[in-house]
Amino acid sequence: MALHEAPIPFITLPNWVKAAAQCGFNIEPVFRELGVQTDLIHLESATITMPVLEKAMAACVARARRKHFPFVLGETFAFEYLPDLETFLATSPTLREAARVFDWVRELINPMIKVTLEERGATAALVLNLGEGRGPAGAYFTEALVASMVKFGRRLLHGRADYERLCLRYPAPRYAKEYTRYFKLPVAFDQPRNALEFDRELLDRPLEGGYPALHQQAEYRVEQRLARMVRPTGLVAAIEDACARHPQLLGRGLGPVAGKLGLGPRTLQRRLQEEGHRFADVLARVRYRLAIRYLELPGADVESVSEKLGFSDRRSFTRAFARWSGVTPSAFLRRVSP
């Protein structure tokens, strides 16, 4: 199965329904025609393939009568089924800290989303990469993501500042004037990248909603959720599976893992870079998930878990676990012990 055709989470289904209603049509026939499963009871485990999602987007754009569907989809997006992400954003002390949410969005909502923070001189930019090169649908999904980012950014800033410019890689569409009217920003098409630009100084300006205690709790809950997820695809999935099945690989570097996968170290490194991942990040995620699993076992102790995960000593494991979860392994054990 090609990576593009692998199932991805479809936890945003309710937002599609709301956006369609605001655009003057019922989305149920679209989903029925495409065979999209609409089960709210098991929404957290719902999936869809990217080709089907692209067809759904194109169908919704064609049916929308009152507004441009991607704009509305982005604006109506809310973390209804991921409240910890909403709390993390709302309680962030700075925009720089809030930007960390994009790493989680990629894992929890859509692995095709990649947003990076760039800083050049007095300008900062959130650079978007979302499914370009696959026809009009790529632009539609970029529009939806931009609309969502603009909404959340303005909410965090409470009107004290704003984005400066929206840059887009694709040519101006026939409805290009709608961009300026809708986003209330200068818009430039045919640019080298998709990006929302703003004053770099805003990155570290204290936000009014900053709430350290709640922020840390939200981060911990999100990391707990990620630790229990088993939804990686492609090369990352193979690495995680190999390390989970053979914990002795942990702590031995990239070479032994590459060998287990039948690849050379340089090939593994290059392929990870092509997919937008770093080996250290993948390894940390595996270790965290296994740490949670091991610590929840009856009779677990920090020393033995540290050894199983390939840490040089208990202190190294304690520092890493605290960085991942916000609590020490000992504190976590006290929470899960009966």
C-alpha atoms as a PDB file:
ATOM      1  CA  MET A   1       0.000   0.000   0.000  1.00  0.00           C
ATOM      2  CA  ALA A   2       1.369   3.434  -0.958  1.00  0.00           C
ATOM      3  CA  LEU A   3       1.817   5.907   1.867  1.00  0.00           C
ATOM      4  CA  HIS A   4      -0.656   8.273   0.168  1.00  0.00           C
ATOM      5  CA  GLU A   5      -3.299   5.534   0.280  1.00  0.00           C
ATOM      6  CA  ALA A   6      -2.745   4.552   3.912  1.00  0.00           C
ATOM      7  CA  PRO A   7      -5.652   5.229   6.292  1.00  0.00           C
ATOM      8  CA  ILE A   8      -5.421   8.484   8.228  1.00  0.00           C
ATOM      9  CA  PRO A   9      -7.499   9.655  11.223  1.00  0.00           C
ATOM     10  CA  PHE A  10     -10.855  11.250  10.390  1.00  0.00           C
ATOM     11  CA  ILE A  11     -11.625  12.783  13.743  1.00  0.00           C
ATOM     12  CA  THR A  12     -12.611  16.022  11.946  1.00  0.00           C
ATOM     13  CA  LEU A  13     -15.770  14.466  10.480  1.00  0.00           C
ATOM     14  CA  PRO A  14     -18.171  16.628  12.596  1.00  0.00           C
ATOM     15  CA  ASN A  15     -16.427  19.769  11.328  1.00  0.00           C
ATOM     16  CA  TRP A  16     -17.085  18.724   7.741  1.00  0.00           C
ATOM     17  CA  VAL A  17     -20.779  18.312   8.558  1.00  0.00           C
ATOM     18  CA  LYS A  18     -20.980  21.769  10.156  1.00  0.00           C
ATOM     19  CA  ALA A  19     -19.067  23.450   7.343  1.00  0.00           C
ATOM     20  CA  ALA A  20     -21.348  21.888   4.717  1.00  0.00           C
ATOM     21  CA  ALA A  21     -24.430  23.149   6.530  1.00  0.00           C
ATOM     22  CA  GLN A  22     -22.989  26.676   6.626  1.00  0.00           C
ATOM     23  CA  CYS A  23     -22.275  26.439   2.907  1.00  0.00           C
ATOM     24  CA  GLY A  24     -25.865  25.498   2.136  1.00  0.00           C
ATOM     25  CA  PHE A  25     -25.795  21.764   1.439  1.00  0.00           C
ATOM     26  CA  ASN A  26     -26.126  18.401   3.163  1.00  0.00           C
ATOM     27  CA  ILE A  27     -22.914  16.394   3.201  1.00  0.00           C
ATOM     28  CA  GLU A  28     -24.560  13.024   3.886  1.00  0.00           C
ATOM     29  CA  PRO A  29     -25.036  12.137   0.179  1.00  0.00           C
ATOM     30  CA  VAL A  30     -21.368  12.945  -0.456  1.00  0.00           C
ATOM     31  CA  PHE A  31     -20.170  10.608   2.247  1.00  0.00           C
ATOM     32  CA  ARG A  32     -22.639   7.910   1.208  1.00  0.00           C
ATOM     33  CA  GLU A  33     -21.537   8.053  -2.431  1.00  0.00           C
ATOM     34  CA  LEU A  34     -17.855   7.802  -1.472  1.00  0.00           C
ATOM     35  CA  GLY A  35     -18.453   5.060   1.089  1.00  0.00           C
ATOM     36  CA  VAL A  36     -17.213   7.163   4.020  1.00  0.00           C
ATOM     37  CA  GLN A  37     -18.082   5.565   7.357  1.00  0.00           C
ATOM     38  CA  THR A  38     -19.823   8.052   9.676  1.00  0.00           C
ATOM     39  CA  ASP A  39     -19.730   6.559  13.150  1.00  0.00           C
ATOM     40  CA  LEU A  40     -19.587   9.201  15.877  1.00  0.00           C
ATOM     41  CA  ILE A  41     -19.628   6.541  18.587  1.00  0.00           C
ATOM     42  CA  HIS A  42     -16.197   5.331  17.481  1.00  0.00           C
ATOM     43  CA  LEU A  43     -14.986   8.614  16.033  1.00  0.00           C
ATOM     44  CA  GLU A  44     -11.578   8.460  17.684  1.00  0.00           C
ATOM     45  CA  SER A  45     -10.742   5.346  15.684  1.00  0.00           C
ATOM     46  CA  ALA A  46     -12.347   6.511  12.418  1.00  0.00           C
ATOM     47  CA  THR A  47     -10.063   6.600   9.381  1.00  0.00           C
ATOM     48  CA  ILE A  48     -10.195   7.624   5.738  1.00  0.00           C
ATOM     49  CA  THR A  49      -7.709   7.460   2.878  1.00  0.00           C
ATOM     50  CA  MET A  50      -6.307  10.643   1.373  1.00  0.00           C
ATOM     51  CA  PRO A  51      -7.675   9.914  -2.140  1.00  0.00           C
ATOM     52  CA  VAL A  52     -11.200   9.584  -0.725  1.00  0.00           C
ATOM     53  CA  LEU A  53     -10.735  12.717   1.374  1.00  0.00           C
ATOM     54  CA  GLU A  54      -9.634  14.607  -1.742  1.00  0.00           C
ATOM     55  CA  LYS A  55     -12.743  13.449  -3.600  1.00  0.00           C
ATOM     56  CA  ALA A  56     -14.896  14.524  -0.666  1.00  0.00           C
ATOM     57  CA  MET A  57     -13.268  17.968  -0.673  1.00  0.00           C
ATOM     58  CA  ALA A  58     -13.803  18.422  -4.415  1.00  0.00           C
ATOM     59  CA  ALA A  59     -17.444  17.343  -4.102  1.00  0.00           C
ATOM     60  CA  CYS A  60     -18.044  19.768  -1.220  1.00  0.00           C
ATOM     61  CA  VAL A  61     -16.471  22.671  -3.107  1.00  0.00           C
ATOM     62  CA  ALA A  62     -18.734  21.927  -6.077  1.00  0.00           C
ATOM     63  CA  ARG A  63     -21.880  21.796  -3.910  1.00  0.00           C
ATOM     64  CA  ALA A  64     -21.200  24.863  -1.757  1.00  0.00           C
ATOM     65  CA  ARG A  65     -23.587  27.701  -2.628  1.00  0.00           C
ATOM     66  CA  ARG A  66     -23.132  30.438  -0.064  1.00  0.00           C
ATOM     67  CA  LYS A  67     -19.424  30.311   0.822  1.00  0.00           C
ATOM     68  CA  HIS A  68     -16.154  28.734  -0.266  1.00  0.00           C
ATOM     69  CA  PHE A  69     -16.127  25.383   1.535  1.00  0.00           C
ATOM     70  CA  PRO A  70     -12.400  25.122   2.483  1.00  0.00           C
ATOM     71  CA  PHE A  71     -12.461  28.548   4.165  1.00  0.00           C
ATOM     72  CA  VAL A  72     -15.504  27.568   6.215  1.00  0.00           C
ATOM     73  CA  LEU A  73     -14.109  24.138   7.056  1.00  0.00           C
ATOM     74  CA  GLY A  74     -10.982  25.727   8.496  1.00  0.00           C
ATOM     75  CA  GLU A  75     -12.883  28.367  10.412  1.00  0.00           C
ATOM     76  CA  THR A  76     -15.344  25.885  11.926  1.00  0.00           C
ATOM     77  CA  PHE A  77     -12.590  23.519  13.016  1.00  0.00           C
ATOM     78  CA  ALA A  78     -12.485  23.006  16.766  1.00  0.00           C
ATOM     79  CA  PHE A  79     -10.815  20.421  18.973  1.00  0.00           C
ATOM     80  CA  GLU A  80     -14.157  19.049  20.111  1.00  0.00           C
ATOM     81  CA  TYR A  81     -12.844  15.517  20.420  1.00  0.00           C
ATOM     82  CA  LEU A  82      -9.329  16.608  21.392  1.00  0.00           C
ATOM     83  CA  PRO A  83     -10.038  19.042  24.256  1.00  0.00           C
ATOM     84  CA  ASP A  84      -6.525  18.738  25.650  1.00  0.00           C
ATOM     85  CA  LEU A  85      -5.146  20.323  22.473  1.00  0.00           C
ATOM     86  CA  GLU A  86      -7.636  23.160  22.854  1.00  0.00           C
ATOM     87  CA  THR A  87      -6.545  23.651  26.465  1.00  0.00           C
ATOM     88  CA  PHE A  88      -2.861  23.527  25.492  1.00  0.00           C
ATOM     89  CA  LEU A  89      -3.426  26.297  22.956  1.00  0.00           C
ATOM     90  CA  ALA A  90      -5.637  28.443  25.164  1.00  0.00           C
ATOM     91  CA  THR A  91      -3.187  28.329  28.100  1.00  0.00           C
ATOM     92  CA  SER A  92       0.041  28.766  26.107  1.00  0.00           C
ATOM     93  CA  PRO A  93       2.312  31.478  27.541  1.00  0.00           C
ATOM     94  CA  THR A  94       3.632  32.488  24.101  1.00  0.00           C
ATOM     95  CA  LEU A  95       2.992  31.891  20.406  1.00  0.00           C
ATOM     96  CA  ARG A  96       6.277  30.013  20.213  1.00  0.00           C
ATOM     97  CA  GLU A  97       4.999  27.535  22.767  1.00  0.00           C
ATOM     98  CA  ALA A  98       1.587  27.318  21.092  1.00  0.00           C
ATOM     99  CA  ALA A  99       3.246  26.395  17.770  1.00  0.00           C
ATOM    100  CA  ARG A 100       4.243  23.042  19.280  1.00  0.00           C
ATOM    101  CA  VAL A 101       0.656  21.933  18.747  1.00  0.00           C
ATOM    102  CA  PHE A 102       1.371  21.357  15.055  1.00  0.00           C
ATOM    103  CA  ASP A 103       3.540  18.335  15.832  1.00  0.00           C
ATOM    104  CA  TRP A 104       0.594  16.759  17.649  1.00  0.00           C
ATOM    105  CA  VAL A 105      -1.896  17.759  14.960  1.00  0.00           C
ATOM    106  CA  ARG A 106       0.218  15.826  12.481  1.00  0.00           C
ATOM    107  CA  GLU A 107      -0.036  12.667  14.595  1.00  0.00           C
ATOM    108  CA  LEU A 108      -3.581  12.995  15.892  1.00  0.00           C
ATOM    109  CA  ILE A 109      -5.428  14.558  12.960  1.00  0.00           C
ATOM    110  CA  ASN A 110      -3.577  14.218   9.654  1.00  0.00           C
ATOM    111  CA  PRO A 111      -0.021  12.948   9.052  1.00  0.00           C
ATOM    112  CA  MET A 112       0.010  14.820   5.730  1.00  0.00           C
ATOM    113  CA  ILE A 113       0.092  18.129   7.619  1.00  0.00           C
ATOM    114  CA  LYS A 114       3.502  19.643   8.171  1.00  0.00           C
ATOM    115  CA  VAL A 115       3.856  23.110   9.695  1.00  0.00           C
ATOM    116  CA  THR A 116       7.256  24.487  10.653  1.00  0.00           C
ATOM    117  CA  LEU A 117       8.255  27.733  12.323  1.00  0.00           C
ATOM    118  CA  GLU A 118      10.881  29.812  10.503  1.00  0.00           C
ATOM    119  CA  GLU A 119      12.585  32.975  11.717  1.00  0.00           C
ATOM    120  CA  ARG A 120      14.432  35.367   9.415  1.00  0.00           C
ATOM    121  CA  GLY A 121      15.451  38.800  10.594  1.00  0.00           C
ATOM    122  CA  ALA A 122      12.436  40.637  11.976  1.00  0.00           C
ATOM    123  CA  THR A 123       9.958  38.226  10.356  1.00  0.00           C
ATOM    124  CA  ALA A 124       8.640  34.894  11.577  1.00  0.00           C
ATOM    125  CA  ALA A 125       6.555  32.535   9.475  1.00  0.00           C
ATOM    126  CA  LEU A 126       4.465  29.427   9.906  1.00  0.00           C
ATOM    127  CA  VAL A 127       5.366  27.446   6.782  1.00  0.00           C
ATOM    128  CA  LEU A 128       2.712  25.025   5.530  1.00  0.00           C
ATOM    129  CA  ASN A 129       3.157  21.847   3.553  1.00  0.00           C
ATOM    130  CA  LEU A 130      -0.058  19.956   2.920  1.00  0.00           C
ATOM    131  CA  GLY A 131      -0.552  17.608   0.014  1.00  0.00           C
ATOM    132  CA  GLU A 132       0.580  19.825  -2.844  1.00  0.00           C
ATOM    133  CA  GLY A 133       1.050  18.342  -6.263  1.00  0.00           C
ATOM    134  CA  ARG A 134      -2.209  16.378  -6.312  1.00  0.00           C
ATOM    135  CA  GLY A 135      -4.437  18.749  -8.255  1.00  0.00           C
ATOM    136  CA  PRO A 136      -6.908  21.331  -6.934  1.00  0.00           C
ATOM    137  CA  ALA A 137      -7.470  19.366  -3.728  1.00  0.00           C
ATOM    138  CA  GLY A 138      -3.992  20.329  -2.519  1.00  0.00           C
ATOM    139  CA  ALA A 139      -4.910  24.015  -2.685  1.00  0.00           C
ATOM    140  CA  TYR A 140      -8.267  23.369  -0.998  1.00  0.00           C
ATOM    141  CA  PHE A 141      -6.661  21.654   1.989  1.00  0.00           C
ATOM    142  CA  THR A 142      -4.086  24.424   2.244  1.00  0.00           C
ATOM    143  CA  GLU A 143      -6.923  26.977   2.310  1.00  0.00           C
ATOM    144  CA  ALA A 144      -8.656  25.088   5.112  1.00  0.00           C
ATOM    145  CA  LEU A 145      -5.481  24.840   7.165  1.00  0.00           C
ATOM    146  CA  VAL A 146      -4.719  28.528   6.677  1.00  0.00           C
ATOM    147  CA  ALA A 147      -8.241  29.471   7.765  1.00  0.00           C
ATOM    148  CA  SER A 148      -7.875  27.420  10.928  1.00  0.00           C
ATOM    149  CA  MET A 149      -4.438  28.845  11.742  1.00  0.00           C
ATOM    150  CA  VAL A 150      -5.613  32.407  11.219  1.00  0.00           C
ATOM    151  CA  LYS A 151      -8.570  31.827  13.511  1.00  0.00           C
ATOM    152  CA  PHE A 152      -6.578  30.310  16.366  1.00  0.00           C
ATOM    153  CA  GLY A 153      -3.736  32.809  16.040  1.00  0.00           C
ATOM    154  CA  ARG A 154      -6.073  35.770  16.262  1.00  0.00           C
ATOM    155  CA  ARG A 155      -7.865  34.204  19.203  1.00  0.00           C
ATOM    156  CA  LEU A 156      -4.582  33.848  21.102  1.00  0.00           C
ATOM    157  CA  LEU A 157      -3.503  37.414  20.316  1.00  0.00           C
ATOM    158  CA  HIS A 158      -6.858  38.907  21.397  1.00  0.00           C
ATOM    159  CA  GLY A 159      -6.650  41.651  18.759  1.00  0.00           C
ATOM    160  CA  ARG A 160      -3.324  43.016  19.993  1.00  0.00           C
ATOM    161  CA  ALA A 161      -1.551  42.125  16.743  1.00  0.00           C
ATOM    162  CA  ASP A 162      -2.108  40.181  13.543  1.00  0.00           C
ATOM    163  CA  TYR A 163      -0.430  38.305  10.731  1.00  0.00           C
ATOM    164  CA  GLU A 164       1.284  40.508   8.130  1.00  0.00           C
ATOM    165  CA  ARG A 165       0.956  38.488   4.922  1.00  0.00           C
ATOM    166  CA  LEU A 166      -0.248  35.195   3.496  1.00  0.00           C
ATOM    167  CA  CYS A 167       2.025  33.605   0.856  1.00  0.00           C
ATOM    168  CA  LEU A 168       0.834  30.752  -1.369  1.00  0.00           C
ATOM    169  CA  ARG A 169       2.742  28.585  -3.819  1.00  0.00           C
ATOM    170  CA  TYR A 170      -0.039  28.018  -6.311  1.00  0.00           C
ATOM    171  CA  PRO A 171      -1.317  30.493  -8.948  1.00  0.00           C
ATOM    172  CA  ALA A 172      -4.168  32.829  -8.082  1.00  0.00           C
ATOM    173  CA  PRO A 173      -7.498  30.978  -8.515  1.00  0.00           C
ATOM    174  CA  ARG A 174     -10.494  32.580 -10.188  1.00  0.00           C
ATOM    175  CA  TYR A 175     -11.860  33.500  -6.743  1.00  0.00           C
ATOM    176  CA  ALA A 176      -8.579  35.104  -5.602  1.00  0.00           C
ATOM    177  CA  LYS A 177     -10.336  38.280  -4.416  1.00  0.00           C
ATOM    178  CA  GLU A 178     -12.163  36.180  -1.832  1.00  0.00           C
ATOM    179  CA  TYR A 179      -8.856  35.549  -0.046  1.00  0.00           C
ATOM    180  CA  THR A 180      -8.286  39.174   0.869  1.00  0.00           C
ATOM    181  CA  ARG A 181     -11.909  39.669   1.840  1.00  0.00           C
ATOM    182  CA  TYR A 182     -12.043  36.513   3.947  1.00  0.00           C
ATOM    183  CA  PHE A 183      -8.640  36.591   5.657  1.00  0.00           C
ATOM    184  CA  LYS A 184      -8.330  40.393   5.790  1.00  0.00           C
ATOM    185  CA  LEU A 185      -4.649  40.052   4.933  1.00  0.00           C
ATOM    186  CA  PRO A 186      -2.424  40.909   1.971  1.00  0.00           C
ATOM    187  CA  VAL A 187      -2.159  37.732  -0.136  1.00  0.00           C
ATOM    188  CA  ALA A 188       0.638  36.833  -2.579  1.00  0.00           C
ATOM    189  CA  PHE A 189       0.342  33.867  -4.997  1.00  0.00           C
ATOM    190  CA  ASP A 190       3.062  32.027  -6.948  1.00  0.00           C
ATOM    191  CA  GLN A 191       5.408  32.277  -3.974  1.00  0.00           C
ATOM    192  CA  PRO A 192       8.245  29.856  -3.090  1.00  0.00           C
ATOM    193  CA  ARG A 193       6.306  28.522  -0.094  1.00  0.00           C
ATOM    194  CA  ASN A 194       2.967  28.529   1.686  1.00  0.00           C
ATOM    195  CA  ALA A 195       3.427  30.702   4.763  1.00  0.00           C
ATOM    196  CA  LEU A 196       1.725  32.980   7.241  1.00  0.00           C
ATOM    197  CA  GLU A 197       4.175  35.789   8.023  1.00  0.00           C
ATOM    198  CA  PHE A 198       4.154  37.956  11.139  1.00  0.00           C
ATOM    199  CA  ASP A 199       6.387  40.112  13.328  1.00  0.00           C
ATOM    200  CA  ARG A 200       9.002  37.886  14.952  1.00  0.00           C
ATOM    201  CA  GLU A 201       8.665  39.822  18.188  1.00  0.00           C
ATOM    202  CA  LEU A 202       5.212  38.290  18.674  1.00  0.00           C
ATOM    203  CA  LEU A 203       6.686  34.826  19.154  1.00  0.00           C
ATOM    204  CA  ASP A 204       7.842  35.514  22.695  1.00  0.00           C
ATOM    205  CA  ARG A 205       5.371  38.188  23.735  1.00  0.00           C
ATOM    206  CA  PRO A 206       3.430  36.939  26.804  1.00  0.00           C
ATOM    207  CA  LEU A 207      -0.128  35.898  25.972  1.00  0.00           C
ATOM    208  CA  GLU A 208      -3.037  36.907  28.165  1.00  0.00           C
ATOM    209  CA  GLY A 209      -4.294  33.328  28.434  1.00  0.00           C
ATOM    210  CA  GLY A 210      -1.039  31.871  29.802  1.00  0.00           C
ATOM    211  CA  TYR A 211      -1.806  29.440  32.643  1.00  0.00           C
ATOM    212  CA  PRO A 212       1.305  27.326  33.450  1.00  0.00           C
ATOM    213  CA  ALA A 213      -0.355  24.681  35.639  1.00  0.00           C
ATOM    214  CA  LEU A 214      -3.176  23.906  33.223  1.00  0.00           C
ATOM    215  CA  HIS A 215      -0.799  24.138  30.273  1.00  0.00           C
ATOM    216  CA  GLN A 216       1.487  21.491  31.715  1.00  0.00           C
ATOM    217  CA  GLN A 217      -1.437  19.239  32.557  1.00  0.00           C
ATOM    218  CA  ALA A 218      -2.788  19.519  29.013  1.00  0.00           C
ATOM    219  CA  GLU A 219       0.617  18.662  27.577  1.00  0.00           C
ATOM    220  CA  TYR A 220       0.855  15.622  29.833  1.00  0.00           C
ATOM    221  CA  ARG A 221      -2.573  14.376  28.761  1.00  0.00           C
ATOM    222  CA  VAL A 222      -1.741  14.822  25.064  1.00  0.00           C
ATOM    223  CA  GLU A 223       1.518  12.918  25.485  1.00  0.00           C
ATOM    224  CA  GLN A 224      -0.354  10.160  27.304  1.00  0.00           C
ATOM    225  CA  ARG A 225      -2.736   9.902  24.395  1.00  0.00           C
ATOM    226  CA  LEU A 226       0.115   9.730  21.905  1.00  0.00           C
ATOM    227  CA  ALA A 227       1.882   7.100  23.948  1.00  0.00           C
ATOM    228  CA  ARG A 228      -1.097   4.793  23.556  1.00  0.00           C
ATOM    229  CA  MET A 229      -1.568   5.390  19.844  1.00  0.00           C
ATOM    230  CA  VAL A 230      -0.497   2.787  17.329  1.00  0.00           C
ATOM    231  CA  ARG A 231      -1.158   4.577  14.058  1.00  0.00           C
ATOM    232  CA  PRO A 232       2.183   5.294  12.374  1.00  0.00           C
ATOM    233  CA  THR A 233       2.596   4.388   8.716  1.00  0.00           C
ATOM    234  CA  GLY A 234       5.426   3.753   6.300  1.00  0.00           C
ATOM    235  CA  LEU A 235       9.043   3.718   7.444  1.00  0.00           C
ATOM    236  CA  VAL A 236       8.253   5.195  10.860  1.00  0.00           C
ATOM    237  CA  ALA A 237       5.825   2.347  11.499  1.00  0.00           C
ATOM    238  CA  ALA A 238       8.523  -0.174  10.583  1.00  0.00           C
ATOM    239  CA  ILE A 239      11.033   1.437  12.950  1.00  0.00           C
ATOM    240  CA  GLU A 240       8.557   1.605  15.815  1.00  0.00           C
ATOM    241  CA  ASP A 241       7.480  -1.991  15.265  1.00  0.00           C
ATOM    242  CA  ALA A 242      11.091  -3.225  15.157  1.00  0.00           C
ATOM    243  CA  CYS A 243      12.027  -1.386  18.364  1.00  0.00           C
ATOM    244  CA  ALA A 244       8.877  -2.486  20.174  1.00  0.00           C
ATOM    245  CA  ARG A 245       9.488  -6.134  19.213  1.00  0.00           C
ATOM    246  CA  HIS A 246      13.218  -5.951  19.957  1.00  0.00           C
ATOM    247  CA  PRO A 247      13.750  -3.479  22.849  1.00  0.00           C
ATOM    248  CA  GLN A 248      17.439  -4.458  22.894  1.00  0.00           C
ATOM    249  CA  LEU A 249      17.785  -2.185  19.837  1.00  0.00           C
ATOM    250  CA  LEU A 250      17.011   0.849  21.981  1.00  0.00           C
ATOM    251  CA  GLY A 251      20.025   2.847  23.068  1.00  0.00           C
ATOM    252  CA  ARG A 252      22.282   1.302  20.400  1.00  0.00           C
ATOM    253  CA  GLY A 253      21.916   3.996  17.772  1.00  0.00           C
ATOM    254  CA  LEU A 254      20.687   4.044  14.195  1.00  0.00           C
ATOM    255  CA  GLY A 255      22.904   1.292  12.784  1.00  0.00           C
ATOM    256  CA  PRO A 256      21.368  -1.760  14.513  1.00  0.00           C
ATOM    257  CA  VAL A 257      17.839  -0.531  13.742  1.00  0.00           C
ATOM    258  CA  ALA A 258      18.717  -0.037  10.081  1.00  0.00           C
ATOM    259  CA  GLY A 259      20.190  -3.530  10.007  1.00  0.00           C
ATOM    260  CA  LYS A 260      17.032  -5.039  11.455  1.00  0.00           C
ATOM    261  CA  LEU A 261      15.061  -3.372   8.629  1.00  0.00           C
ATOM    262  CA  GLY A 262      17.491  -4.565   5.978  1.00  0.00           C
ATOM    263  CA  LEU A 263      18.708  -1.038   5.218  1.00  0.00           C
ATOM    264  CA  GLY A 264      22.009   0.769   5.427  1.00  0.00           C
ATOM    265  CA  PRO A 265      22.284   3.536   8.056  1.00  0.00           C
ATOM    266  CA  ARG A 266      22.619   6.267   5.418  1.00  0.00           C
ATOM    267  CA  THR A 267      19.620   4.935   3.497  1.00  0.00           C
ATOM    268  CA  LEU A 268      17.500   4.890   6.638  1.00  0.00           C
ATOM    269  CA  GLN A 269      18.578   8.425   7.537  1.00  0.00           C
ATOM    270  CA  ARG A 270      17.853   9.714   4.031  1.00  0.00           C
ATOM    271  CA  ARG A 271      14.426   8.085   3.818  1.00  0.00           C
ATOM    272  CA  LEU A 272      13.432   9.450   7.209  1.00  0.00           C
ATOM    273  CA  GLN A 273      14.443  12.943   6.113  1.00  0.00           C
ATOM    274  CA  GLU A 274      12.364  12.552   2.955  1.00  0.00           C
ATOM    275  CA  GLU A 275       9.331  11.691   5.091  1.00  0.00           C
ATOM    276  CA  GLY A 276       9.973  14.668   7.396  1.00  0.00           C
ATOM    277  CA  HIS A 277      11.158  12.728  10.462  1.00  0.00           C
ATOM    278  CA  ARG A 278      14.274  12.537  12.601  1.00  0.00           C
ATOM    279  CA  PHE A 279      15.496   9.203  13.953  1.00  0.00           C
ATOM    280  CA  ALA A 280      15.990  10.691  17.438  1.00  0.00           C
ATOM    281  CA  ASP A 281      12.346  11.805  17.537  1.00  0.00           C
ATOM    282  CA  VAL A 282      11.055   8.423  16.382  1.00  0.00           C
ATOM    283  CA  LEU A 283      13.225   6.635  18.938  1.00  0.00           C
ATOM    284  CA  ALA A 284      12.066   8.954  21.727  1.00  0.00           C
ATOM    285  CA  ARG A 285       8.438   8.284  20.832  1.00  0.00           C
ATOM    286  CA  VAL A 286       8.999   4.511  20.940  1.00  0.00           C
ATOM    287  CA  ARG A 287      10.766   4.760  24.256  1.00  0.00           C
ATOM    288  CA  TYR A 288       7.994   6.859  25.739  1.00  0.00           C
ATOM    289  CA  ARG A 289       5.264   4.482  24.595  1.00  0.00           C
ATOM    290  CA  LEU A 290       7.155   1.487  25.920  1.00  0.00           C
ATOM    291  CA  ALA A 291       7.918   3.329  29.163  1.00  0.00           C
ATOM    292  CA  ILE A 292       4.206   3.907  29.730  1.00  0.00           C
ATOM    293  CA  ARG A 293       3.476   0.255  28.963  1.00  0.00           C
ATOM    294  CA  TYR A 294       6.210  -1.066  31.262  1.00  0.00           C
ATOM    295  CA  LEU A 295       5.439   1.301  34.141  1.00  0.00           C
ATOM    296  CA  GLU A 296       1.790   0.258  34.104  1.00  0.00           C
ATOM    297  CA  LEU A 297       2.680  -3.417  34.572  1.00  0.00           C
ATOM    298  CA  PRO A 298       2.168  -4.865  38.089  1.00  0.00           C
ATOM    299  CA  GLY A 299       5.339  -4.665  40.163  1.00  0.00           C
ATOM    300  CA  ALA A 300       7.100  -2.294  37.775  1.00  0.00           C
ATOM    301  CA  ASP A 301      10.093  -0.353  39.071  1.00  0.00           C
ATOM    302  CA  VAL A 302      11.984   2.552  37.540  1.00  0.00           C
ATOM    303  CA  GLU A 303      15.375   0.810  37.517  1.00  0.00           C
ATOM    304  CA  SER A 304      14.257  -2.195  35.476  1.00  0.00           C
ATOM    305  CA  VAL A 305      12.253  -0.062  33.026  1.00  0.00           C
ATOM    306  CA  SER A 306      15.298   2.166  32.506  1.00  0.00           C
ATOM    307  CA  GLU A 307      17.401  -0.892  31.636  1.00  0.00           C
ATOM    308  CA  LYS A 308      14.775  -2.317  29.261  1.00  0.00           C
ATOM    309  CA  LEU A 309      14.660   0.961  27.340  1.00  0.00           C
ATOM    310  CA  GLY A 310      18.419   1.096  26.867  1.00  0.00           C
ATOM    311  CA  PHE A 311      19.208   4.112  29.065  1.00  0.00           C
ATOM    312  CA  SER A 312      22.706   4.326  30.498  1.00  0.00           C
ATOM    313  CA  ASP A 313      21.382   4.893  34.004  1.00  0.00           C
ATOM    314  CA  ARG A 314      18.248   5.660  35.948  1.00  0.00           C
ATOM    315  CA  ARG A 315      18.927   9.396  36.057  1.00  0.00           C
ATOM    316  CA  SER A 316      19.015   9.626  32.258  1.00  0.00           C
ATOM    317  CA  PHE A 317      15.705   7.818  32.042  1.00  0.00           C
ATOM    318  CA  THR A 318      14.165  10.039  34.713  1.00  0.00           C
ATOM    319  CA  ARG A 319      15.215  13.209  32.888  1.00  0.00           C
ATOM    320  CA  ALA A 320      13.892  11.922  29.563  1.00  0.00           C
ATOM    321  CA  PHE A 321      10.570  10.734  30.974  1.00  0.00           C
ATOM    322  CA  ALA A 322      10.044  14.018  32.807  1.00  0.00           C
ATOM    323  CA  ARG A 323      10.728  15.895  29.569  1.00  0.00           C
ATOM    324  CA  TRP A 324       8.188  13.758  27.689  1.00  0.00           C
ATOM    325  CA  SER A 325       5.425  13.675  30.269  1.00  0.00           C
ATOM    326  CA  GLY A 326       5.978  16.499  32.744  1.00  0.00           C
ATOM    327  CA  VAL A 327       6.354  14.076  35.675  1.00  0.00           C
ATOM    328  CA  THR A 328       9.089  11.724  36.863  1.00  0.00           C
ATOM    329  CA  PRO A 329       8.736   7.947  36.407  1.00  0.00           C
ATOM    330  CA  SER A 330       8.380   7.579  40.174  1.00  0.00           C
ATOM    331  CA  ALA A 331       5.535  10.095  40.237  1.00  0.00           C
ATOM    332  CA  PHE A 332       3.883   8.299  37.329  1.00  0.00           C
ATOM    333  CA  LEU A 333       4.149   4.983  39.187  1.00  0.00           C
ATOM    334  CA  ARG A 334       2.428   6.499  42.204  1.00  0.00           C
ATOM    335  CA  ARG A 335      -0.434   7.653  39.978  1.00  0.00           C
ATOM    336  CA  VAL A 336      -1.042   4.269  38.361  1.00  0.00           C
ATOM    337  CA  SER A 337      -0.408   2.075  41.379  1.00  0.00           C
ATOM    338  CA  PRO A 338      -3.639   0.761  42.969  1.00  0.00           C
END
